[in-house]
PDB file of all heavy atoms in Angstrom:
ATOM      1  N   PRO A   1       0.829  -1.182  -0.014  1.00  0.00           N
ATOM      2  CA  PRO A   1       0.028   0.015  -0.019  1.00  0.00           C
ATOM      3  C   PRO A   1       0.789   1.230   0.004  1.00  0.00           C
ATOM      4  O   PRO A   1       0.467   2.281  -0.607  1.00  0.00           O
ATOM      5  CB  PRO A   1      -0.859  -0.144   1.268  1.00  0.00           C
ATOM      6  CG  PRO A   1      -0.907  -1.625   1.616  1.00  0.00           C
ATOM      7  CD  PRO A   1       0.447  -2.156   1.103  1.00  0.00           C
ATOM      8  N   ASP A   2       1.972   1.301   0.667  1.00  0.00           N
ATOM      9  CA  ASP A   2       2.828   2.470   0.764  1.00  0.00           C
ATOM     10  C   ASP A   2       3.736   2.719  -0.522  1.00  0.00           C
ATOM     11  O   ASP A   2       4.409   3.702  -0.635  1.00  0.00           O
ATOM     12  CB  ASP A   2       3.767   2.335   2.010  1.00  0.00           C
ATOM     13  CG  ASP A   2       2.999   2.321   3.280  1.00  0.00           C
ATOM     14  OD1 ASP A   2       1.883   2.916   3.316  1.00  0.00           O
ATOM     15  OD2 ASP A   2       3.562   1.814   4.313  1.00  0.00           O
ATOM     16  N   ALA A   3       3.575   1.758  -1.494  1.00  0.00           N
ATOM     17  CA  ALA A   3       4.345   1.879  -2.743  1.00  0.00           C
ATOM     18  C   ALA A   3       3.696   2.865  -3.703  1.00  0.00           C
ATOM     19  O   ALA A   3       4.282   3.105  -4.787  1.00  0.00           O
ATOM     20  CB  ALA A   3       4.618   0.537  -3.333  1.00  0.00           C
ATOM     21  N   TYR A   4       2.479   3.391  -3.398  1.00  0.00           N
ATOM     22  CA  TYR A   4       1.793   4.236  -4.327  1.00  0.00           C
ATOM     23  C   TYR A   4       1.353   5.559  -3.612  1.00  0.00           C
ATOM     24  O   TYR A   4       1.026   5.562  -2.414  1.00  0.00           O
ATOM     25  CB  TYR A   4       0.545   3.555  -4.855  1.00  0.00           C
ATOM     26  CG  TYR A   4       0.902   2.372  -5.751  1.00  0.00           C
ATOM     27  CD1 TYR A   4       0.903   1.073  -5.225  1.00  0.00           C
ATOM     28  CD2 TYR A   4       1.136   2.515  -7.082  1.00  0.00           C
ATOM     29  CE1 TYR A   4       1.187  -0.012  -5.977  1.00  0.00           C
ATOM     30  CE2 TYR A   4       1.474   1.388  -7.875  1.00  0.00           C
ATOM     31  CZ  TYR A   4       1.466   0.113  -7.336  1.00  0.00           C
ATOM     32  OH  TYR A   4       1.772  -0.949  -8.107  1.00  0.00           O
ATOM     33  N   ARG A   5       1.364   6.582  -4.403  1.00  0.00           N
ATOM     34  CA  ARG A   5       0.862   7.867  -3.936  1.00  0.00           C
ATOM     35  C   ARG A   5      -0.353   8.217  -4.681  1.00  0.00           C
ATOM     36  O   ARG A   5      -0.338   8.329  -6.000  1.00  0.00           O
ATOM     37  CB  ARG A   5       1.925   9.022  -4.109  1.00  0.00           C
ATOM     38  CG  ARG A   5       1.410  10.377  -3.745  1.00  0.00           C
ATOM     39  CD  ARG A   5       2.555  11.432  -3.793  1.00  0.00           C
ATOM     40  NE  ARG A   5       2.088  12.711  -3.338  1.00  0.00           N
ATOM     41  CZ  ARG A   5       1.883  13.757  -4.150  1.00  0.00           C
ATOM     42  NH1 ARG A   5       2.025  13.668  -5.404  1.00  0.00           N
ATOM     43  NH2 ARG A   5       1.449  14.945  -3.631  1.00  0.00           N
ATOM     44  N   ALA A   6      -1.547   8.281  -4.061  1.00  0.00           N
ATOM     45  CA  ALA A   6      -2.767   8.606  -4.654  1.00  0.00           C
ATOM     46  C   ALA A   6      -2.838  10.033  -4.980  1.00  0.00           C
ATOM     47  O   ALA A   6      -2.723  10.923  -4.191  1.00  0.00           O
ATOM     48  CB  ALA A   6      -3.970   8.192  -3.751  1.00  0.00           C
ATOM     49  N   THR A   7      -3.181  10.309  -6.318  1.00  0.00           N
ATOM     50  CA  THR A   7      -3.307  11.707  -6.785  1.00  0.00           C
ATOM     51  C   THR A   7      -4.532  11.917  -7.622  1.00  0.00           C
ATOM     52  O   THR A   7      -5.070  10.885  -8.207  1.00  0.00           O
ATOM     53  CB  THR A   7      -2.040  12.070  -7.617  1.00  0.00           C
ATOM     54  OG1 THR A   7      -1.962  11.253  -8.770  1.00  0.00           O
ATOM     55  CG2 THR A   7      -0.764  11.958  -6.788  1.00  0.00           C
ATOM     56  N   GLU A   8      -5.016  13.108  -7.758  1.00  0.00           N
ATOM     57  CA  GLU A   8      -6.259  13.367  -8.507  1.00  0.00           C
ATOM     58  C   GLU A   8      -5.925  13.450 -10.044  1.00  0.00           C
ATOM     59  O   GLU A   8      -4.922  14.081 -10.369  1.00  0.00           O
ATOM     60  CB  GLU A   8      -6.881  14.670  -8.052  1.00  0.00           C
ATOM     61  CG  GLU A   8      -7.379  14.672  -6.604  1.00  0.00           C
ATOM     62  CD  GLU A   8      -8.675  13.983  -6.429  1.00  0.00           C
ATOM     63  OE1 GLU A   8      -9.154  13.283  -7.330  1.00  0.00           O
ATOM     64  OE2 GLU A   8      -9.229  14.081  -5.294  1.00  0.00           O
ATOM     65  N   LEU A   9      -6.711  12.776 -10.842  1.00  0.00           N
ATOM     66  CA  LEU A   9      -6.641  13.062 -12.307  1.00  0.00           C
ATOM     67  C   LEU A   9      -7.212  14.436 -12.577  1.00  0.00           C
ATOM     68  O   LEU A   9      -6.657  15.202 -13.407  1.00  0.00           O
ATOM     69  CB  LEU A   9      -7.464  11.994 -13.002  1.00  0.00           C
ATOM     70  CG  LEU A   9      -7.513  12.182 -14.562  1.00  0.00           C
ATOM     71  CD1 LEU A   9      -6.147  12.048 -15.146  1.00  0.00           C
ATOM     72  CD2 LEU A   9      -8.468  11.236 -15.189  1.00  0.00           C
ATOM     73  N   VAL A  10      -8.326  14.808 -11.826  1.00  0.00           N
ATOM     74  CA  VAL A  10      -8.874  16.201 -11.994  1.00  0.00           C
ATOM     75  C   VAL A  10      -8.534  16.929 -10.705  1.00  0.00           C
ATOM     76  O   VAL A  10      -9.116  16.662  -9.691  1.00  0.00           O
ATOM     77  CB  VAL A  10     -10.366  16.037 -12.158  1.00  0.00           C
ATOM     78  CG1 VAL A  10     -11.082  17.431 -12.300  1.00  0.00           C
ATOM     79  CG2 VAL A  10     -10.788  15.194 -13.395  1.00  0.00           C
ATOM     80  N   PRO A  11      -7.663  17.911 -10.751  1.00  0.00           N
ATOM     81  CA  PRO A  11      -7.248  18.624  -9.582  1.00  0.00           C
ATOM     82  C   PRO A  11      -8.379  19.543  -9.109  1.00  0.00           C
ATOM     83  O   PRO A  11      -9.272  19.829  -9.751  1.00  0.00           O
ATOM     84  CB  PRO A  11      -6.032  19.410 -10.008  1.00  0.00           C
ATOM     85  CG  PRO A  11      -6.171  19.593 -11.492  1.00  0.00           C
ATOM     86  CD  PRO A  11      -6.917  18.305 -11.947  1.00  0.00           C
ATOM     87  N   GLY A  12      -8.246  20.041  -7.816  1.00  0.00           N
ATOM     88  CA  GLY A  12      -9.187  21.008  -7.304  1.00  0.00           C
ATOM     89  C   GLY A  12     -10.059  20.513  -6.196  1.00  0.00           C
ATOM     90  O   GLY A  12     -10.734  21.247  -5.558  1.00  0.00           O
ATOM     91  N   GLN A  13     -10.005  19.190  -5.898  1.00  0.00           N
ATOM     92  CA  GLN A  13     -10.821  18.617  -4.774  1.00  0.00           C
ATOM     93  C   GLN A  13     -10.117  18.980  -3.439  1.00  0.00           C
ATOM     94  O   GLN A  13      -8.934  19.010  -3.366  1.00  0.00           O
ATOM     95  CB  GLN A  13     -10.912  17.166  -4.901  1.00  0.00           C
ATOM     96  CG  GLN A  13     -11.232  16.629  -6.321  1.00  0.00           C
ATOM     97  CD  GLN A  13     -12.499  17.169  -6.902  1.00  0.00           C
ATOM     98  OE1 GLN A  13     -13.401  17.572  -6.181  1.00  0.00           O
ATOM     99  NE2 GLN A  13     -12.498  17.309  -8.241  1.00  0.00           N
ATOM    100  N   ALA A  14     -10.960  19.314  -2.448  1.00  0.00           N
ATOM    101  CA  ALA A  14     -10.435  19.676  -1.193  1.00  0.00           C
ATOM    102  C   ALA A  14     -11.235  19.115  -0.027  1.00  0.00           C
ATOM    103  O   ALA A  14     -12.348  18.659  -0.289  1.00  0.00           O
ATOM    104  CB  ALA A  14     -10.361  21.259  -1.031  1.00  0.00           C
ATOM    105  N   GLY A  15     -10.680  19.064   1.156  1.00  0.00           N
ATOM    106  CA  GLY A  15     -11.405  18.523   2.249  1.00  0.00           C
ATOM    107  C   GLY A  15     -11.310  17.056   2.416  1.00  0.00           C
ATOM    108  O   GLY A  15     -10.705  16.290   1.596  1.00  0.00           O
ATOM    109  N   ARG A  16     -11.853  16.514   3.388  1.00  0.00           N
ATOM    110  CA  ARG A  16     -11.845  14.984   3.651  1.00  0.00           C
ATOM    111  C   ARG A  16     -13.035  14.330   2.988  1.00  0.00           C
ATOM    112  O   ARG A  16     -12.974  13.130   2.693  1.00  0.00           O
ATOM    113  CB  ARG A  16     -11.934  14.726   5.157  1.00  0.00           C
ATOM    114  CG  ARG A  16     -10.642  15.231   5.909  1.00  0.00           C
ATOM    115  CD  ARG A  16      -9.440  14.517   5.478  1.00  0.00           C
ATOM    116  NE  ARG A  16      -9.513  13.043   5.816  1.00  0.00           N
ATOM    117  CZ  ARG A  16      -8.655  12.138   5.328  1.00  0.00           C
ATOM    118  NH1 ARG A  16      -7.642  12.497   4.529  1.00  0.00           N
ATOM    119  NH2 ARG A  16      -8.802  10.845   5.674  1.00  0.00           N
ATOM    120  N   THR A  17     -14.174  15.042   2.794  1.00  0.00           N
ATOM    121  CA  THR A  17     -15.374  14.452   2.147  1.00  0.00           C
ATOM    122  C   THR A  17     -15.467  14.894   0.715  1.00  0.00           C
ATOM    123  O   THR A  17     -15.468  16.105   0.463  1.00  0.00           O
ATOM    124  CB  THR A  17     -16.605  14.812   2.935  1.00  0.00           C
ATOM    125  OG1 THR A  17     -16.454  14.362   4.338  1.00  0.00           O
ATOM    126  CG2 THR A  17     -17.855  14.148   2.365  1.00  0.00           C
ATOM    127  N   TYR A  18     -15.623  13.956  -0.169  1.00  0.00           N
ATOM    128  CA  TYR A  18     -15.685  14.338  -1.576  1.00  0.00           C
ATOM    129  C   TYR A  18     -17.064  14.975  -1.901  1.00  0.00           C
ATOM    130  O   TYR A  18     -18.086  14.424  -1.602  1.00  0.00           O
ATOM    131  CB  TYR A  18     -15.553  13.066  -2.452  1.00  0.00           C
ATOM    132  CG  TYR A  18     -15.488  13.276  -3.906  1.00  0.00           C
ATOM    133  CD1 TYR A  18     -14.320  13.795  -4.480  1.00  0.00           C
ATOM    134  CD2 TYR A  18     -16.599  13.148  -4.624  1.00  0.00           C
ATOM    135  CE1 TYR A  18     -14.332  14.051  -5.884  1.00  0.00           C
ATOM    136  CE2 TYR A  18     -16.638  13.399  -6.021  1.00  0.00           C
ATOM    137  CZ  TYR A  18     -15.404  13.882  -6.680  1.00  0.00           C
ATOM    138  OH  TYR A  18     -15.462  14.129  -7.961  1.00  0.00           O
ATOM    139  N   THR A  19     -16.963  16.158  -2.587  1.00  0.00           N
ATOM    140  CA  THR A  19     -18.127  16.839  -3.061  1.00  0.00           C
ATOM    141  C   THR A  19     -18.021  17.293  -4.549  1.00  0.00           C
ATOM    142  O   THR A  19     -18.711  18.132  -4.908  1.00  0.00           O
ATOM    143  CB  THR A  19     -18.414  18.079  -2.160  1.00  0.00           C
ATOM    144  OG1 THR A  19     -17.225  18.956  -2.182  1.00  0.00           O
ATOM    145  CG2 THR A  19     -18.667  17.730  -0.766  1.00  0.00           C
ATOM    146  N   GLY A  20     -17.073  16.647  -5.204  1.00  0.00           N
ATOM    147  CA  GLY A  20     -16.751  17.092  -6.586  1.00  0.00           C
ATOM    148  C   GLY A  20     -17.674  16.403  -7.563  1.00  0.00           C
ATOM    149  O   GLY A  20     -18.764  15.886  -7.262  1.00  0.00           O
ATOM    150  N   PRO A  21     -17.341  16.400  -8.837  1.00  0.00           N
ATOM    151  CA  PRO A  21     -18.183  15.847  -9.899  1.00  0.00           C
ATOM    152  C   PRO A  21     -18.498  14.360  -9.726  1.00  0.00           C
ATOM    153  O   PRO A  21     -17.628  13.570  -9.354  1.00  0.00           O
ATOM    154  CB  PRO A  21     -17.344  16.113 -11.148  1.00  0.00           C
ATOM    155  CG  PRO A  21     -16.371  17.207 -10.862  1.00  0.00           C
ATOM    156  CD  PRO A  21     -16.111  17.051  -9.363  1.00  0.00           C
ATOM    157  N   GLU A  22     -19.750  14.002  -9.889  1.00  0.00           N
ATOM    158  CA  GLU A  22     -20.202  12.672  -9.781  1.00  0.00           C
ATOM    159  C   GLU A  22     -20.209  11.923 -11.118  1.00  0.00           C
ATOM    160  O   GLU A  22     -21.269  11.641 -11.648  1.00  0.00           O
ATOM    161  CB  GLU A  22     -21.584  12.566  -9.036  1.00  0.00           C
ATOM    162  CG  GLU A  22     -21.560  13.111  -7.634  1.00  0.00           C
ATOM    163  CD  GLU A  22     -22.963  13.250  -7.024  1.00  0.00           C
ATOM    164  OE1 GLU A  22     -23.776  13.846  -7.655  1.00  0.00           O
ATOM    165  OE2 GLU A  22     -23.137  12.697  -5.953  1.00  0.00           O
ATOM    166  N   TRP A  23     -18.989  11.701 -11.564  1.00  0.00           N
ATOM    167  CA  TRP A  23     -18.968  10.876 -12.849  1.00  0.00           C
ATOM    168  C   TRP A  23     -19.168   9.390 -12.640  1.00  0.00           C
ATOM    169  O   TRP A  23     -18.876   8.886 -11.550  1.00  0.00           O
ATOM    170  CB  TRP A  23     -17.565  11.131 -13.431  1.00  0.00           C
ATOM    171  CG  TRP A  23     -17.274  12.561 -13.916  1.00  0.00           C
ATOM    172  CD1 TRP A  23     -18.091  13.542 -13.859  1.00  0.00           C
ATOM    173  CD2 TRP A  23     -15.980  13.002 -14.373  1.00  0.00           C
ATOM    174  NE1 TRP A  23     -17.468  14.729 -14.336  1.00  0.00           N
ATOM    175  CE2 TRP A  23     -16.170  14.430 -14.584  1.00  0.00           C
ATOM    176  CE3 TRP A  23     -14.692  12.473 -14.584  1.00  0.00           C
ATOM    177  CZ2 TRP A  23     -15.152  15.181 -15.117  1.00  0.00           C
ATOM    178  CZ3 TRP A  23     -13.754  13.240 -15.032  1.00  0.00           C
ATOM    179  CH2 TRP A  23     -13.949  14.565 -15.378  1.00  0.00           C
ATOM    180  N   ASN A  24     -19.696   8.767 -13.648  1.00  0.00           N
ATOM    181  CA  ASN A  24     -19.932   7.359 -13.508  1.00  0.00           C
ATOM    182  C   ASN A  24     -19.246   6.634 -14.737  1.00  0.00           C
ATOM    183  O   ASN A  24     -19.797   6.421 -15.796  1.00  0.00           O
ATOM    184  CB  ASN A  24     -21.403   7.049 -13.587  1.00  0.00           C
ATOM    185  CG  ASN A  24     -22.129   7.709 -12.390  1.00  0.00           C
ATOM    186  OD1 ASN A  24     -21.934   7.298 -11.256  1.00  0.00           O
ATOM    187  ND2 ASN A  24     -22.951   8.653 -12.656  1.00  0.00           N
ATOM    188  N   SER A  25     -17.932   6.342 -14.505  1.00  0.00           N
ATOM    189  CA  SER A  25     -17.036   5.991 -15.605  1.00  0.00           C
ATOM    190  C   SER A  25     -16.936   4.499 -15.676  1.00  0.00           C
ATOM    191  O   SER A  25     -16.832   3.752 -14.694  1.00  0.00           O
ATOM    192  CB  SER A  25     -15.624   6.570 -15.373  1.00  0.00           C
ATOM    193  OG  SER A  25     -15.680   7.960 -15.073  1.00  0.00           O
ATOM    194  N   ASN A  26     -17.016   4.008 -16.958  1.00  0.00           N
ATOM    195  CA  ASN A  26     -16.962   2.528 -17.219  1.00  0.00           C
ATOM    196  C   ASN A  26     -15.919   2.132 -18.167  1.00  0.00           C
ATOM    197  O   ASN A  26     -15.788   0.918 -18.446  1.00  0.00           O
ATOM    198  CB  ASN A  26     -18.354   2.083 -17.669  1.00  0.00           C
ATOM    199  CG  ASN A  26     -19.136   1.346 -16.627  1.00  0.00           C
ATOM    200  OD1 ASN A  26     -20.199   1.770 -16.246  1.00  0.00           O
ATOM    201  ND2 ASN A  26     -18.605   0.252 -16.055  1.00  0.00           N
ATOM    202  N   ALA A  27     -15.199   2.995 -18.811  1.00  0.00           N
ATOM    203  CA  ALA A  27     -14.241   2.591 -19.822  1.00  0.00           C
ATOM    204  C   ALA A  27     -13.071   3.637 -19.912  1.00  0.00           C
ATOM    205  O   ALA A  27     -13.306   4.809 -19.814  1.00  0.00           O
ATOM    206  CB  ALA A  27     -14.930   2.424 -21.178  1.00  0.00           C
ATOM    207  N   VAL A  28     -11.890   3.156 -20.160  1.00  0.00           N
ATOM    208  CA  VAL A  28     -10.788   4.046 -20.467  1.00  0.00           C
ATOM    209  C   VAL A  28     -10.011   3.353 -21.690  1.00  0.00           C
ATOM    210  O   VAL A  28     -10.104   2.204 -21.925  1.00  0.00           O
ATOM    211  CB  VAL A  28      -9.862   4.229 -19.264  1.00  0.00           C
ATOM    212  CG1 VAL A  28     -10.552   4.738 -18.115  1.00  0.00           C
ATOM    213  CG2 VAL A  28      -9.050   2.895 -18.967  1.00  0.00           C
ATOM    214  N   ALA A  29      -9.301   4.320 -22.335  1.00  0.00           N
ATOM    215  CA  ALA A  29      -8.338   3.860 -23.401  1.00  0.00           C
ATOM    216  C   ALA A  29      -7.155   4.718 -23.097  1.00  0.00           C
ATOM    217  O   ALA A  29      -7.227   5.995 -23.058  1.00  0.00           O
ATOM    218  CB  ALA A  29      -8.823   3.944 -24.727  1.00  0.00           C
ATOM    219  N   ILE A  30      -5.963   4.165 -23.099  1.00  0.00           N
ATOM    220  CA  ILE A  30      -4.672   4.930 -22.858  1.00  0.00           C
ATOM    221  C   ILE A  30      -3.875   4.852 -24.077  1.00  0.00           C
ATOM    222  O   ILE A  30      -3.527   3.794 -24.580  1.00  0.00           O
ATOM    223  CB  ILE A  30      -3.947   4.401 -21.618  1.00  0.00           C
ATOM    224  CG1 ILE A  30      -4.859   4.551 -20.363  1.00  0.00           C
ATOM    225  CG2 ILE A  30      -2.650   5.105 -21.460  1.00  0.00           C
ATOM    226  CD1 ILE A  30      -4.294   3.748 -19.194  1.00  0.00           C
ATOM    227  N   ALA A  31      -3.513   5.991 -24.731  1.00  0.00           N
ATOM    228  CA  ALA A  31      -2.779   6.086 -25.957  1.00  0.00           C
ATOM    229  C   ALA A  31      -2.206   7.501 -26.102  1.00  0.00           C
ATOM    230  O   ALA A  31      -2.716   8.455 -25.434  1.00  0.00           O
ATOM    231  CB  ALA A  31      -3.652   5.603 -27.099  1.00  0.00           C
ATOM    232  N   ASP A  32      -1.284   7.651 -26.991  1.00  0.00           N
ATOM    233  CA  ASP A  32      -0.775   8.997 -27.367  1.00  0.00           C
ATOM    234  C   ASP A  32      -1.701   9.541 -28.444  1.00  0.00           C
ATOM    235  O   ASP A  32      -1.349   9.480 -29.653  1.00  0.00           O
ATOM    236  CB  ASP A  32       0.661   8.834 -27.830  1.00  0.00           C
ATOM    237  CG  ASP A  32       1.231  10.193 -28.292  1.00  0.00           C
ATOM    238  OD1 ASP A  32       0.584  11.199 -28.027  1.00  0.00           O
ATOM    239  OD2 ASP A  32       2.332  10.207 -28.817  1.00  0.00           O
ATOM    240  N   PHE A  33      -2.798  10.130 -28.060  1.00  0.00           N
ATOM    241  CA  PHE A  33      -3.783  10.492 -29.030  1.00  0.00           C
ATOM    242  C   PHE A  33      -3.361  11.717 -29.915  1.00  0.00           C
ATOM    243  O   PHE A  33      -3.778  11.752 -31.070  1.00  0.00           O
ATOM    244  CB  PHE A  33      -5.130  10.811 -28.349  1.00  0.00           C
ATOM    245  CG  PHE A  33      -5.872   9.643 -27.791  1.00  0.00           C
ATOM    246  CD1 PHE A  33      -5.990   9.479 -26.450  1.00  0.00           C
ATOM    247  CD2 PHE A  33      -6.370   8.676 -28.609  1.00  0.00           C
ATOM    248  CE1 PHE A  33      -6.680   8.423 -25.888  1.00  0.00           C
ATOM    249  CE2 PHE A  33      -6.993   7.545 -28.119  1.00  0.00           C
ATOM    250  CZ  PHE A  33      -7.155   7.415 -26.748  1.00  0.00           C
ATOM    251  N   ASP A  34      -2.536  12.626 -29.371  1.00  0.00           N
ATOM    252  CA  ASP A  34      -2.233  13.810 -30.127  1.00  0.00           C
ATOM    253  C   ASP A  34      -0.865  13.648 -30.786  1.00  0.00           C
ATOM    254  O   ASP A  34      -0.398  14.665 -31.470  1.00  0.00           O
ATOM    255  CB  ASP A  34      -2.325  15.049 -29.366  1.00  0.00           C
ATOM    256  CG  ASP A  34      -1.265  15.091 -28.201  1.00  0.00           C
ATOM    257  OD1 ASP A  34      -0.731  14.049 -27.845  1.00  0.00           O
ATOM    258  OD2 ASP A  34      -1.016  16.260 -27.704  1.00  0.00           O
ATOM    259  N   GLY A  35      -0.124  12.592 -30.576  1.00  0.00           N
ATOM    260  CA  GLY A  35       1.141  12.319 -31.291  1.00  0.00           C
ATOM    261  C   GLY A  35       2.297  13.196 -30.817  1.00  0.00           C
ATOM    262  O   GLY A  35       3.203  13.464 -31.577  1.00  0.00           O
ATOM    263  N   ASP A  36       2.297  13.530 -29.489  1.00  0.00           N
ATOM    264  CA  ASP A  36       3.376  14.341 -28.961  1.00  0.00           C
ATOM    265  C   ASP A  36       4.413  13.523 -28.170  1.00  0.00           C
ATOM    266  O   ASP A  36       5.322  14.061 -27.602  1.00  0.00           O
ATOM    267  CB  ASP A  36       2.855  15.412 -28.056  1.00  0.00           C
ATOM    268  CG  ASP A  36       2.208  14.886 -26.740  1.00  0.00           C
ATOM    269  OD1 ASP A  36       2.014  13.707 -26.701  1.00  0.00           O
ATOM    270  OD2 ASP A  36       1.866  15.726 -25.870  1.00  0.00           O
ATOM    271  N   GLY A  37       4.240  12.162 -28.211  1.00  0.00           N
ATOM    272  CA  GLY A  37       5.222  11.292 -27.559  1.00  0.00           C
ATOM    273  C   GLY A  37       4.847  10.949 -26.081  1.00  0.00           C
ATOM    274  O   GLY A  37       5.700  10.336 -25.431  1.00  0.00           O
ATOM    275  N   HIS A  38       3.639  11.381 -25.638  1.00  0.00           N
ATOM    276  CA  HIS A  38       3.253  11.124 -24.253  1.00  0.00           C
ATOM    277  C   HIS A  38       1.912  10.493 -24.196  1.00  0.00           C
ATOM    278  O   HIS A  38       0.984  10.873 -25.077  1.00  0.00           O
ATOM    279  CB  HIS A  38       3.361  12.382 -23.479  1.00  0.00           C
ATOM    280  CG  HIS A  38       4.615  13.123 -23.472  1.00  0.00           C
ATOM    281  ND1 HIS A  38       5.722  12.704 -22.716  1.00  0.00           N
ATOM    282  CD2 HIS A  38       5.065  14.143 -24.236  1.00  0.00           C
ATOM    283  CE1 HIS A  38       6.745  13.492 -22.996  1.00  0.00           C
ATOM    284  NE2 HIS A  38       6.377  14.347 -23.917  1.00  0.00           N
ATOM    285  N   ASP A  39       1.558   9.647 -23.246  1.00  0.00           N
ATOM    286  CA  ASP A  39       0.327   8.957 -23.142  1.00  0.00           C
ATOM    287  C   ASP A  39      -0.760   9.830 -22.610  1.00  0.00           C
ATOM    288  O   ASP A  39      -0.597  10.414 -21.559  1.00  0.00           O
ATOM    289  CB  ASP A  39       0.465   7.675 -22.323  1.00  0.00           C
ATOM    290  CG  ASP A  39       1.387   6.683 -22.952  1.00  0.00           C
ATOM    291  OD1 ASP A  39       1.679   6.710 -24.113  1.00  0.00           O
ATOM    292  OD2 ASP A  39       1.930   5.796 -22.125  1.00  0.00           O
TER     293      ASP A  39
END
């Protein structure tokens, strides 16, 4: 568990209780979509 640092994909959340956007995500694709050499 200590081998990872949890970080936000969408920054700006604050406090201990989450009150941010309630997304309901079911799929991802990871790729270099814009061709700049980064995923």
